C-alpha atoms as a PDB file:
ATOM      1  CA  MET A   1      -3.206 -38.157  25.745  1.00  0.00           C
ATOM      2  CA  SER A   2       0.408 -38.955  26.808  1.00  0.00           C
ATOM      3  CA  ARG A   3       1.297 -38.723  30.454  1.00  0.00           C
ATOM      4  CA  LEU A   4       3.694 -35.862  29.695  1.00  0.00           C
ATOM      5  CA  ARG A   5       1.124 -33.892  27.730  1.00  0.00           C
ATOM      6  CA  GLY A   6      -1.341 -34.216  30.525  1.00  0.00           C
ATOM      7  CA  LEU A   7       1.168 -32.811  32.966  1.00  0.00           C
ATOM      8  CA  VAL A   8       2.076 -29.936  30.672  1.00  0.00           C
ATOM      9  CA  ALA A   9      -1.552 -29.079  29.948  1.00  0.00           C
ATOM     10  CA  ALA A  10      -2.363 -28.864  33.644  1.00  0.00           C
ATOM     11  CA  GLU A  11       0.624 -26.655  34.371  1.00  0.00           C
ATOM     12  CA  LEU A  12       0.011 -24.311  31.443  1.00  0.00           C
ATOM     13  CA  GLY A  13      -3.646 -24.019  32.423  1.00  0.00           C
ATOM     14  CA  ALA A  14      -3.025 -23.020  36.038  1.00  0.00           C
ATOM     15  CA  PRO A  15      -4.549 -19.596  36.884  1.00  0.00           C
ATOM     16  CA  THR A  16      -2.284 -16.555  37.088  1.00  0.00           C
ATOM     17  CA  PRO A  17      -2.739 -13.388  39.136  1.00  0.00           C
ATOM     18  CA  ALA A  18      -5.086 -10.815  37.625  1.00  0.00           C
ATOM     19  CA  PRO A  19      -2.419  -8.215  36.774  1.00  0.00           C
ATOM     20  CA  ILE A  20      -0.385 -10.817  34.864  1.00  0.00           C
ATOM     21  CA  THR A  21      -3.464 -11.873  32.982  1.00  0.00           C
ATOM     22  CA  ALA A  22      -4.486  -8.306  32.236  1.00  0.00           C
ATOM     23  CA  PHE A  23      -0.978  -7.530  30.808  1.00  0.00           C
ATOM     24  CA  ALA A  24      -1.146 -10.650  28.614  1.00  0.00           C
ATOM     25  CA  GLU A  25      -4.519  -9.591  27.244  1.00  0.00           C
ATOM     26  CA  ARG A  26      -3.108  -6.154  26.497  1.00  0.00           C
ATOM     27  CA  LEU A  27      -0.199  -7.737  24.582  1.00  0.00           C
ATOM     28  CA  SER A  28      -2.629  -9.895  22.564  1.00  0.00           C
ATOM     29  CA  ARG A  29      -4.005  -6.590  21.220  1.00  0.00           C
ATOM     30  CA  VAL A  30      -0.642  -4.862  20.712  1.00  0.00           C
ATOM     31  CA  PHE A  31       0.884  -7.594  18.519  1.00  0.00           C
ATOM     32  CA  PRO A  32      -0.791  -8.112  15.171  1.00  0.00           C
ATOM     33  CA  GLU A  33      -2.131 -11.626  14.621  1.00  0.00           C
ATOM     34  CA  ALA A  34      -1.262 -12.738  18.120  1.00  0.00           C
ATOM     35  CA  ARG A  35      -2.173 -16.362  18.702  1.00  0.00           C
ATOM     36  CA  ALA A  36      -0.908 -17.027  22.216  1.00  0.00           C
ATOM     37  CA  VAL A  37       0.782 -15.342  25.173  1.00  0.00           C
ATOM     38  CA  LEU A  38       2.997 -17.365  27.521  1.00  0.00           C
ATOM     39  CA  PHE A  39       4.255 -16.079  30.857  1.00  0.00           C
ATOM     40  CA  TYR A  40       7.486 -17.475  32.394  1.00  0.00           C
ATOM     41  CA  GLY A  41      10.435 -16.533  34.547  1.00  0.00           C
ATOM     42  CA  SER A  42      11.104 -15.972  38.245  1.00  0.00           C
ATOM     43  CA  ILE A  43       8.010 -13.878  38.899  1.00  0.00           C
ATOM     44  CA  LEU A  44       5.877 -16.881  37.996  1.00  0.00           C
ATOM     45  CA  ARG A  45       7.301 -18.327  41.195  1.00  0.00           C
ATOM     46  CA  THR A  46       7.606 -15.296  43.394  1.00  0.00           C
ATOM     47  CA  GLY A  47       4.656 -13.099  42.321  1.00  0.00           C
ATOM     48  CA  ASP A  48       6.768  -9.978  42.830  1.00  0.00           C
ATOM     49  CA  LEU A  49       5.200  -7.482  40.407  1.00  0.00           C
ATOM     50  CA  SER A  50       7.817  -4.795  41.074  1.00  0.00           C
ATOM     51  CA  GLY A  51      10.267  -6.484  38.727  1.00  0.00           C
ATOM     52  CA  VAL A  52      10.089  -7.052  34.996  1.00  0.00           C
ATOM     53  CA  LEU A  53       7.510  -9.589  33.777  1.00  0.00           C
ATOM     54  CA  ASP A  54       8.600 -12.047  31.105  1.00  0.00           C
ATOM     55  CA  TYR A  55       6.237 -12.945  28.271  1.00  0.00           C
ATOM     56  CA  TYR A  56       6.458 -14.761  24.949  1.00  0.00           C
ATOM     57  CA  VAL A  57       3.936 -13.630  22.334  1.00  0.00           C
ATOM     58  CA  LEU A  58       3.391 -16.140  19.534  1.00  0.00           C
ATOM     59  CA  THR A  59       2.025 -14.691  16.301  1.00  0.00           C
ATOM     60  CA  GLU A  60       0.683 -16.006  12.961  1.00  0.00           C
ATOM     61  CA  HIS A  61       3.232 -14.181  10.817  1.00  0.00           C
ATOM     62  CA  PRO A  62       6.515 -12.310  11.404  1.00  0.00           C
ATOM     63  CA  PRO A  63       6.511  -8.492  11.346  1.00  0.00           C
ATOM     64  CA  ARG A  64       6.421  -6.728   7.981  1.00  0.00           C
ATOM     65  CA  GLY A  65       9.367  -5.076   6.356  1.00  0.00           C
ATOM     66  CA  VAL A  66      13.061  -5.368   7.190  1.00  0.00           C
ATOM     67  CA  LEU A  67      12.457  -6.530  10.787  1.00  0.00           C
ATOM     68  CA  GLY A  68      10.372  -9.363   9.511  1.00  0.00           C
ATOM     69  CA  ALA A  69      13.080 -10.457   7.100  1.00  0.00           C
ATOM     70  CA  VAL A  70      15.676 -10.469   9.875  1.00  0.00           C
ATOM     71  CA  SER A  71      13.237 -12.222  12.266  1.00  0.00           C
ATOM     72  CA  ARG A  72      12.982 -15.189   9.898  1.00  0.00           C
ATOM     73  CA  VAL A  73      16.667 -15.852  10.567  1.00  0.00           C
ATOM     74  CA  LEU A  74      17.276 -14.454  14.062  1.00  0.00           C
ATOM     75  CA  TRP A  75      14.380 -14.751  16.435  1.00  0.00           C
ATOM     76  CA  PRO A  76      12.771 -13.795  18.760  1.00  0.00           C
ATOM     77  CA  ASP A  77      12.087 -10.076  18.517  1.00  0.00           C
ATOM     78  CA  VAL A  78      12.362  -8.313  21.880  1.00  0.00           C
ATOM     79  CA  SER A  79      10.441  -5.305  23.113  1.00  0.00           C
ATOM     80  CA  TYR A  80       9.622  -3.491  26.393  1.00  0.00           C
ATOM     81  CA  HIS A  81       6.107  -2.561  27.490  1.00  0.00           C
ATOM     82  CA  GLU A  82       4.479  -0.792  30.385  1.00  0.00           C
ATOM     83  CA  LEU A  83       0.908  -0.996  31.693  1.00  0.00           C
ATOM     84  CA  THR A  84      -0.618   1.091  34.539  1.00  0.00           C
ATOM     85  CA  LEU A  85      -3.224  -0.945  36.441  1.00  0.00           C
ATOM     86  CA  ASP A  86      -4.955   0.284  39.583  1.00  0.00           C
ATOM     87  CA  GLY A  87      -2.241   2.928  40.055  1.00  0.00           C
ATOM     88  CA  GLN A  88       0.640   0.474  39.730  1.00  0.00           C
ATOM     89  CA  THR A  89       2.987   0.513  36.744  1.00  0.00           C
ATOM     90  CA  LEU A  90       3.733  -2.949  35.494  1.00  0.00           C
ATOM     91  CA  ARG A  91       6.738  -3.547  33.280  1.00  0.00           C
ATOM     92  CA  ALA A  92       7.361  -6.408  30.848  1.00  0.00           C
ATOM     93  CA  LYS A  93      10.117  -7.606  28.559  1.00  0.00           C
ATOM     94  CA  VAL A  94       8.421  -9.408  25.656  1.00  0.00           C
ATOM     95  CA  ALA A  95       9.906 -11.868  23.205  1.00  0.00           C
ATOM     96  CA  SER A  96       7.835 -12.541  20.051  1.00  0.00           C
ATOM     97  CA  MET A  97       8.027 -15.018  17.258  1.00  0.00           C
ATOM     98  CA  THR A  98       5.711 -17.000  15.083  1.00  0.00           C
ATOM     99  CA  LEU A  99       3.787 -19.969  16.531  1.00  0.00           C
ATOM    100  CA  ALA A 100       5.208 -22.147  13.700  1.00  0.00           C
ATOM    101  CA  ARG A 101       8.792 -21.185  14.545  1.00  0.00           C
ATOM    102  CA  PHE A 102       8.160 -21.783  18.215  1.00  0.00           C
ATOM    103  CA  GLN A 103       6.870 -25.269  17.438  1.00  0.00           C
ATOM    104  CA  ARG A 104       9.926 -26.113  15.363  1.00  0.00           C
ATOM    105  CA  ALA A 105      12.365 -24.820  17.962  1.00  0.00           C
ATOM    106  CA  ALA A 106      10.584 -26.605  20.786  1.00  0.00           C
ATOM    107  CA  SER A 107      10.858 -29.910  18.911  1.00  0.00           C
ATOM    108  CA  GLY A 108      14.665 -29.601  18.892  1.00  0.00           C
ATOM    109  CA  ALA A 109      14.925 -28.987  15.150  1.00  0.00           C
ATOM    110  CA  GLY A 110      17.871 -26.735  14.347  1.00  0.00           C
ATOM    111  CA  LEU A 111      20.827 -25.829  16.519  1.00  0.00           C
ATOM    112  CA  ASP A 112      19.010 -23.504  18.924  1.00  0.00           C
ATOM    113  CA  THR A 113      18.647 -24.663  22.576  1.00  0.00           C
ATOM    114  CA  THR A 114      17.000 -21.577  24.061  1.00  0.00           C
ATOM    115  CA  ILE A 115      13.323 -22.414  23.480  1.00  0.00           C
ATOM    116  CA  TRP A 116      13.240 -25.964  24.755  1.00  0.00           C
ATOM    117  CA  ALA A 117      15.685 -25.229  27.594  1.00  0.00           C
ATOM    118  CA  ARG A 118      13.420 -22.349  28.650  1.00  0.00           C
ATOM    119  CA  PHE A 119      10.068 -24.059  28.314  1.00  0.00           C
ATOM    120  CA  VAL A 120      11.014 -27.267  30.094  1.00  0.00           C
ATOM    121  CA  GLN A 121      10.898 -24.890  33.020  1.00  0.00           C
ATOM    122  CA  PRO A 122       7.476 -23.796  34.411  1.00  0.00           C
ATOM    123  CA  SER A 123       5.326 -21.449  32.296  1.00  0.00           C
ATOM    124  CA  ALA A 124       1.710 -20.440  31.995  1.00  0.00           C
ATOM    125  CA  LEU A 125      -0.423 -20.121  28.923  1.00  0.00           C
ATOM    126  CA  VAL A 126      -2.178 -16.941  29.969  1.00  0.00           C
ATOM    127  CA  TRP A 127      -3.999 -16.117  26.736  1.00  0.00           C
ATOM    128  CA  ALA A 128      -4.586 -17.998  23.499  1.00  0.00           C
ATOM    129  CA  THR A 129      -7.067 -18.237  20.691  1.00  0.00           C
ATOM    130  CA  PRO A 130      -9.155 -21.415  20.794  1.00  0.00           C
ATOM    131  CA  GLU A 131      -7.429 -22.723  17.694  1.00  0.00           C
ATOM    132  CA  ALA A 132      -3.899 -22.139  19.056  1.00  0.00           C
ATOM    133  CA  ARG A 133      -4.259 -23.466  22.600  1.00  0.00           C
ATOM    134  CA  GLY A 134      -3.814 -27.158  21.736  1.00  0.00           C
ATOM    135  CA  THR A 135      -0.921 -26.363  19.408  1.00  0.00           C
ATOM    136  CA  VAL A 136       0.902 -24.489  22.191  1.00  0.00           C
ATOM    137  CA  VAL A 137       0.357 -27.308  24.655  1.00  0.00           C
ATOM    138  CA  ASP A 138       1.809 -29.711  22.064  1.00  0.00           C
ATOM    139  CA  ALA A 139       4.818 -27.439  21.493  1.00  0.00           C
ATOM    140  CA  VAL A 140       5.603 -27.082  25.166  1.00  0.00           C
ATOM    141  CA  THR A 141       5.254 -30.862  25.565  1.00  0.00           C
ATOM    142  CA  ASP A 142       7.795 -31.243  22.743  1.00  0.00           C
ATOM    143  CA  ALA A 143      10.100 -28.819  24.564  1.00  0.00           C
ATOM    144  CA  CYS A 144       9.948 -30.960  27.723  1.00  0.00           C
ATOM    145  CA  LEU A 145      10.527 -34.121  25.692  1.00  0.00           C
ATOM    146  CA  THR A 146      13.544 -32.619  23.835  1.00  0.00           C
ATOM    147  CA  ALA A 147      15.105 -31.356  27.055  1.00  0.00           C
ATOM    148  CA  ALA A 148      14.558 -34.612  28.859  1.00  0.00           C
ATOM    149  CA  ARG A 149      16.052 -36.680  26.071  1.00  0.00           C
ATOM    150  CA  PHE A 150      19.217 -34.528  26.036  1.00  0.00           C
ATOM    151  CA  ALA A 151      19.283 -34.680  29.825  1.00  0.00           C
ATOM    152  CA  ARG A 152      19.230 -38.472  29.731  1.00  0.00           C
ATOM    153  CA  ALA A 153      22.100 -38.484  27.204  1.00  0.00           C
ATOM    154  CA  LEU A 154      24.251 -35.799  28.864  1.00  0.00           C
ATOM    155  CA  GLY A 155      23.700 -36.927  32.434  1.00  0.00           C
ATOM    156  CA  PRO A 156      25.047 -40.047  34.196  1.00  0.00           C
ATOM    157  CA  VAL A 157      23.743 -43.411  33.032  1.00  0.00           C
ATOM    158  CA  ASP A 158      20.973 -44.495  35.440  1.00  0.00           C
ATOM    159  CA  GLY A 159      21.272 -41.134  37.154  1.00  0.00           C
ATOM    160  CA  THR A 160      18.519 -39.676  39.318  1.00  0.00           C
ATOM    161  CA  ALA A 161      16.146 -37.061  37.826  1.00  0.00           C
ATOM    162  CA  GLN A 162      18.005 -34.401  39.830  1.00  0.00           C
ATOM    163  CA  ALA A 163      21.375 -35.465  38.377  1.00  0.00           C
ATOM    164  CA  LEU A 164      20.037 -35.608  34.789  1.00  0.00           C
ATOM    165  CA  TRP A 165      18.457 -32.139  34.935  1.00  0.00           C
ATOM    166  CA  THR A 166      21.517 -30.685  36.619  1.00  0.00           C
ATOM    167  CA  ALA A 167      23.672 -32.037  33.800  1.00  0.00           C
ATOM    168  CA  LEU A 168      21.320 -30.630  31.184  1.00  0.00           C
ATOM    169  CA  PHE A 169      21.129 -27.098  32.566  1.00  0.00           C
ATOM    170  CA  ARG A 170      24.856 -26.990  33.197  1.00  0.00           C
ATOM    171  CA  GLU A 171      25.539 -27.895  29.605  1.00  0.00           C
ATOM    172  CA  THR A 172      22.927 -25.520  28.120  1.00  0.00           C
ATOM    173  CA  TYR A 173      24.376 -22.677  30.154  1.00  0.00           C
ATOM    174  CA  LYS A 174      27.793 -23.488  28.809  1.00  0.00           C
ATOM    175  CA  ALA A 175      26.405 -23.563  25.267  1.00  0.00           C
ATOM    176  CA  GLU A 176      24.602 -20.247  25.579  1.00  0.00           C
ATOM    177  CA  LEU A 177      25.828 -16.766  26.351  1.00  0.00           C
ATOM    178  CA  ARG A 178      24.540 -16.385  29.909  1.00  0.00           C
ATOM    179  CA  VAL A 179      24.989 -13.803  32.680  1.00  0.00           C
ATOM    180  CA  GLU A 180      23.853 -16.091  35.452  1.00  0.00           C
ATOM    181  CA  LYS A 181      26.316 -17.050  38.149  1.00  0.00           C
ATOM    182  CA  ALA A 182      27.710 -20.562  38.305  1.00  0.00           C
ATOM    183  CA  GLY A 183      25.292 -22.857  40.048  1.00  0.00           C
ATOM    184  CA  ARG A 184      22.190 -21.257  38.613  1.00  0.00           C
ATOM    185  CA  GLU A 185      20.939 -24.697  37.601  1.00  0.00           C
ATOM    186  CA  VAL A 186      20.847 -25.693  41.285  1.00  0.00           C
ATOM    187  CA  SER A 187      18.554 -22.791  42.251  1.00  0.00           C
ATOM    188  CA  ILE A 188      16.189 -23.635  39.417  1.00  0.00           C
ATOM    189  CA  LEU A 189      15.884 -27.281  40.425  1.00  0.00           C
ATOM    190  CA  THR A 190      15.712 -26.876  44.217  1.00  0.00           C
ATOM    191  CA  PHE A 191      12.716 -24.530  44.004  1.00  0.00           C
ATOM    192  CA  ASP A 192      10.438 -27.383  42.959  1.00  0.00           C
ATOM    193  CA  PRO A 193      12.375 -30.696  42.633  1.00  0.00           C
ATOM    194  CA  GLU A 194       9.187 -32.763  42.666  1.00  0.00           C
ATOM    195  CA  ARG A 195       8.001 -31.006  39.527  1.00  0.00           C
ATOM    196  CA  TYR A 196      11.139 -31.909  37.596  1.00  0.00           C
ATOM    197  CA  GLU A 197      11.013 -35.448  38.893  1.00  0.00           C
ATOM    198  CA  ALA A 198       7.430 -35.676  37.600  1.00  0.00           C
ATOM    199  CA  VAL A 199       8.441 -34.412  34.158  1.00  0.00           C
ATOM    200  CA  MET A 200      11.285 -36.884  33.885  1.00  0.00           C
ATOM    201  CA  ALA A 201       9.089 -39.771  35.098  1.00  0.00           C
ATOM    202  CA  ALA A 202       6.458 -38.863  32.489  1.00  0.00           C
ATOM    203  CA  VAL A 203       9.037 -38.792  29.719  1.00  0.00           C
ATOM    204  CA  GLU A 204      10.440 -42.161  30.780  1.00  0.00           C
ATOM    205  CA  ALA A 205       6.924 -43.597  30.869  1.00  0.00           C
ATOM    206  CA  ASP A 206       6.093 -42.281  27.405  1.00  0.00           C
ATOM    207  CA  ASP A 207       9.553 -42.714  25.797  1.00  0.00           C
ATOM    208  CA  GLY A 208      10.783 -45.945  27.342  1.00  0.00           C
ATOM    209  CA  PRO A 209      14.412 -46.749  28.178  1.00  0.00           C
ATOM    210  CA  LEU A 210      17.194 -44.779  26.450  1.00  0.00           C
ATOM    211  CA  SER A 211      19.192 -47.214  24.314  1.00  0.00           C
ATOM    212  CA  ALA A 212      22.911 -46.964  23.860  1.00  0.00           C
ATOM    213  CA  GLU A 213      22.358 -46.118  20.185  1.00  0.00           C
ATOM    214  CA  THR A 214      19.970 -43.273  21.015  1.00  0.00           C
ATOM    215  CA  ARG A 215      22.362 -41.924  23.657  1.00  0.00           C
ATOM    216  CA  ALA A 216      25.207 -41.905  21.119  1.00  0.00           C
ATOM    217  CA  ARG A 217      23.020 -40.177  18.575  1.00  0.00           C
ATOM    218  CA  LEU A 218      21.955 -37.502  21.035  1.00  0.00           C
ATOM    219  CA  LEU A 219      25.487 -36.866  22.169  1.00  0.00           C
ATOM    220  CA  GLU A 220      26.604 -36.482  18.532  1.00  0.00           C
ATOM    221  CA  ALA A 221      23.705 -34.054  17.978  1.00  0.00           C
ATOM    222  CA  TRP A 222      24.772 -32.061  21.026  1.00  0.00           C
ATOM    223  CA  THR A 223      28.208 -31.211  19.642  1.00  0.00           C
ATOM    224  CA  PRO A 224      27.081 -28.667  16.966  1.00  0.00           C
ATOM    225  CA  ARG A 225      24.626 -27.132  19.515  1.00  0.00           C
ATOM    226  CA  ARG A 226      27.470 -26.613  21.936  1.00  0.00           C
ATOM    227  CA  LEU A 227      29.744 -25.091  19.266  1.00  0.00           C
ATOM    228  CA  PHE A 228      27.261 -22.751  17.670  1.00  0.00           C
ATOM    229  CA  GLY A 229      25.275 -21.728  20.769  1.00  0.00           C
ATOM    230  CA  LYS A 230      27.395 -18.685  21.799  1.00  0.00           C
ATOM    231  CA  PRO A 231      27.833 -17.273  18.256  1.00  0.00           C
ATOM    232  CA  LEU A 232      24.097 -17.518  17.744  1.00  0.00           C
ATOM    233  CA  ASN A 233      23.493 -15.642  21.001  1.00  0.00           C
ATOM    234  CA  VAL A 234      25.950 -12.983  19.981  1.00  0.00           C
ATOM    235  CA  ALA A 235      24.179 -12.495  16.671  1.00  0.00           C
ATOM    236  CA  ARG A 236      20.878 -12.123  18.542  1.00  0.00           C
ATOM    237  CA  LEU A 237      22.400  -9.514  20.890  1.00  0.00           C
ATOM    238  CA  ILE A 238      23.695  -7.481  17.858  1.00  0.00           C
ATOM    239  CA  LYS A 239      20.202  -7.653  16.319  1.00  0.00           C
ATOM    240  CA  ALA A 240      18.607  -6.578  19.586  1.00  0.00           C
ATOM    241  CA  ALA A 241      20.902  -3.557  19.789  1.00  0.00           C
ATOM    242  CA  PHE A 242      19.207  -2.195  16.692  1.00  0.00           C
ATOM    243  CA  THR A 243      15.670  -3.632  16.979  1.00  0.00           C
ATOM    244  CA  PHE A 244      14.782  -3.686  20.703  1.00  0.00           C
ATOM    245  CA  ARG A 245      11.600  -1.610  20.826  1.00  0.00           C
ATOM    246  CA  GLY A 246      11.293   0.447  24.026  1.00  0.00           C
ATOM    247  CA  ALA A 247      14.975  -0.067  24.856  1.00  0.00           C
ATOM    248  CA  SER A 248      15.358   3.528  26.113  1.00  0.00           C
ATOM    249  CA  ARG A 249      12.467   3.237  28.540  1.00  0.00           C
ATOM    250  CA  TYR A 250      13.702  -0.129  29.746  1.00  0.00           C
ATOM    251  CA  ALA A 251      17.224   1.140  30.295  1.00  0.00           C
ATOM    252  CA  ALA A 252      15.983   4.254  32.066  1.00  0.00           C
ATOM    253  CA  TRP A 253      13.931   2.246  34.477  1.00  0.00           C
ATOM    254  CA  LYS A 254      16.834  -0.167  35.128  1.00  0.00           C
ATOM    255  CA  ILE A 255      19.302   2.705  35.713  1.00  0.00           C
ATOM    256  CA  GLU A 256      17.030   4.474  38.156  1.00  0.00           C
ATOM    257  CA  ARG A 257      16.164   1.250  39.977  1.00  0.00           C
ATOM    258  CA  HIS A 258      19.837   0.331  40.454  1.00  0.00           C
ATOM    259  CA  THR A 259      21.481   3.727  40.838  1.00  0.00           C
ATOM    260  CA  GLY A 260      18.669   6.098  42.011  1.00  0.00           C
ATOM    261  CA  VAL A 261      19.507   8.493  39.157  1.00  0.00           C
ATOM    262  CA  PRO A 262      16.457   9.397  37.077  1.00  0.00           C
ATOM    263  CA  VAL A 263      16.901   9.409  33.310  1.00  0.00           C
ATOM    264  CA  ALA A 264      14.451  11.399  31.153  1.00  0.00           C
ATOM    265  CA  VAL A 265      13.344   9.469  28.039  1.00  0.00           C
ATOM    266  CA  THR A 266      13.294  12.129  25.346  1.00  0.00           C
ATOM    267  CA  PRO A 267      11.981  11.545  21.804  1.00  0.00           C
ATOM    268  CA  TRP A 268      15.610  11.591  20.557  1.00  0.00           C
ATOM    269  CA  ARG A 269      16.715   9.047  23.094  1.00  0.00           C
ATOM    270  CA  GLU A 270      13.743   6.884  22.230  1.00  0.00           C
ATOM    271  CA  ARG A 271      14.617   6.924  18.564  1.00  0.00           C
ATOM    272  CA  HIS A 272      18.363   6.537  19.009  1.00  0.00           C
ATOM    273  CA  PRO A 273      19.118   4.491  22.134  1.00  0.00           C
ATOM    274  CA  ILE A 274      22.616   3.483  21.033  1.00  0.00           C
ATOM    275  CA  LEU A 275      23.729   6.985  20.240  1.00  0.00           C
ATOM    276  CA  ALA A 276      22.170   8.292  23.438  1.00  0.00           C
ATOM    277  CA  ALA A 277      23.804   5.696  25.673  1.00  0.00           C
ATOM    278  CA  PRO A 278      27.245   7.411  26.181  1.00  0.00           C
ATOM    279  CA  GLY A 279      25.610  10.655  27.284  1.00  0.00           C
ATOM    280  CA  VAL A 280      23.201   8.940  29.622  1.00  0.00           C
ATOM    281  CA  LEU A 281      26.015   6.907  31.234  1.00  0.00           C
ATOM    282  CA  LEU A 282      28.164  10.001  31.656  1.00  0.00           C
ATOM    283  CA  ARG A 283      25.259  11.778  33.348  1.00  0.00           C
ATOM    284  CA  VAL A 284      24.710   8.885  35.712  1.00  0.00           C
ATOM    285  CA  TRP A 285      28.389   8.687  36.537  1.00  0.00           C
ATOM    286  CA  ARG A 286      28.491  12.457  37.332  1.00  0.00           C
ATOM    287  CA  ASN A 287      25.409  12.265  39.548  1.00  0.00           C
ATOM    288  CA  ARG A 288      26.750   9.336  41.493  1.00  0.00           C
ATOM    289  CA  ARG A 289      30.096  11.042  41.896  1.00  0.00           C
ATOM    290  CA  ARG A 290      28.472  14.192  43.288  1.00  0.00           C
ATOM    291  CA  ALA A 291      26.298  12.093  45.603  1.00  0.00           C
ATOM    292  CA  GLY A 292      29.366  10.195  46.786  1.00  0.00           C
END
């Protein structure tokens, strides 16, 4: 076992709070042919269950029908789910894709940066079939390796781990369509700098020094990723506008949470979230105007 894989396996195998585990087990039954459920995001650090939990569900095959055909080109699929547990309503935004596609994206194949840039950050393998567990550990290890290699190329020569990771996240945020404020990479790294130092040290131990030729090749490979990152994200957003399951319930919760205005999720709004949006926003505006 490589030093990096050992580190990743330990992190993925760390226990998660019971509600997070219960939700993952529920998702494993909701998604046909689920093979693994990964938990990630800020709540993994904070434990604040009042927000939206973030999961990735990895499946054997894409969905059937038109959605499946689109998913083979533009992944992942996104959906919103709720689970009431001991009187508390838990909410989750779930991305799903096939395990094979996840493996390929984590390895750095293709122009997408989102998978390896996300899973070089902490995550937990909350649920998996026995056959899939090792495959997921290998894939997340590949994500860390891919990210670290680009960090070593994009960052300063002989830079510290902190400088290399800062350079990487700054460049991936530029390449992707992000809503985070400038400096987001600093908050990610300062939460647990020792963890990122350990990941970089493991990669350097397994991978050896970065030669000038390898650096040049990685920098050349970064150019198309930088150019096509935002168009790819835009295409995914357009897809999500028409395929985001549970979008109305998710939007209703977000609106009430941020404005205090309750929004009823009617069957029509559930089926036609885009058509319903103007009316909902007008109602919220009127309510806030009266309250003001």
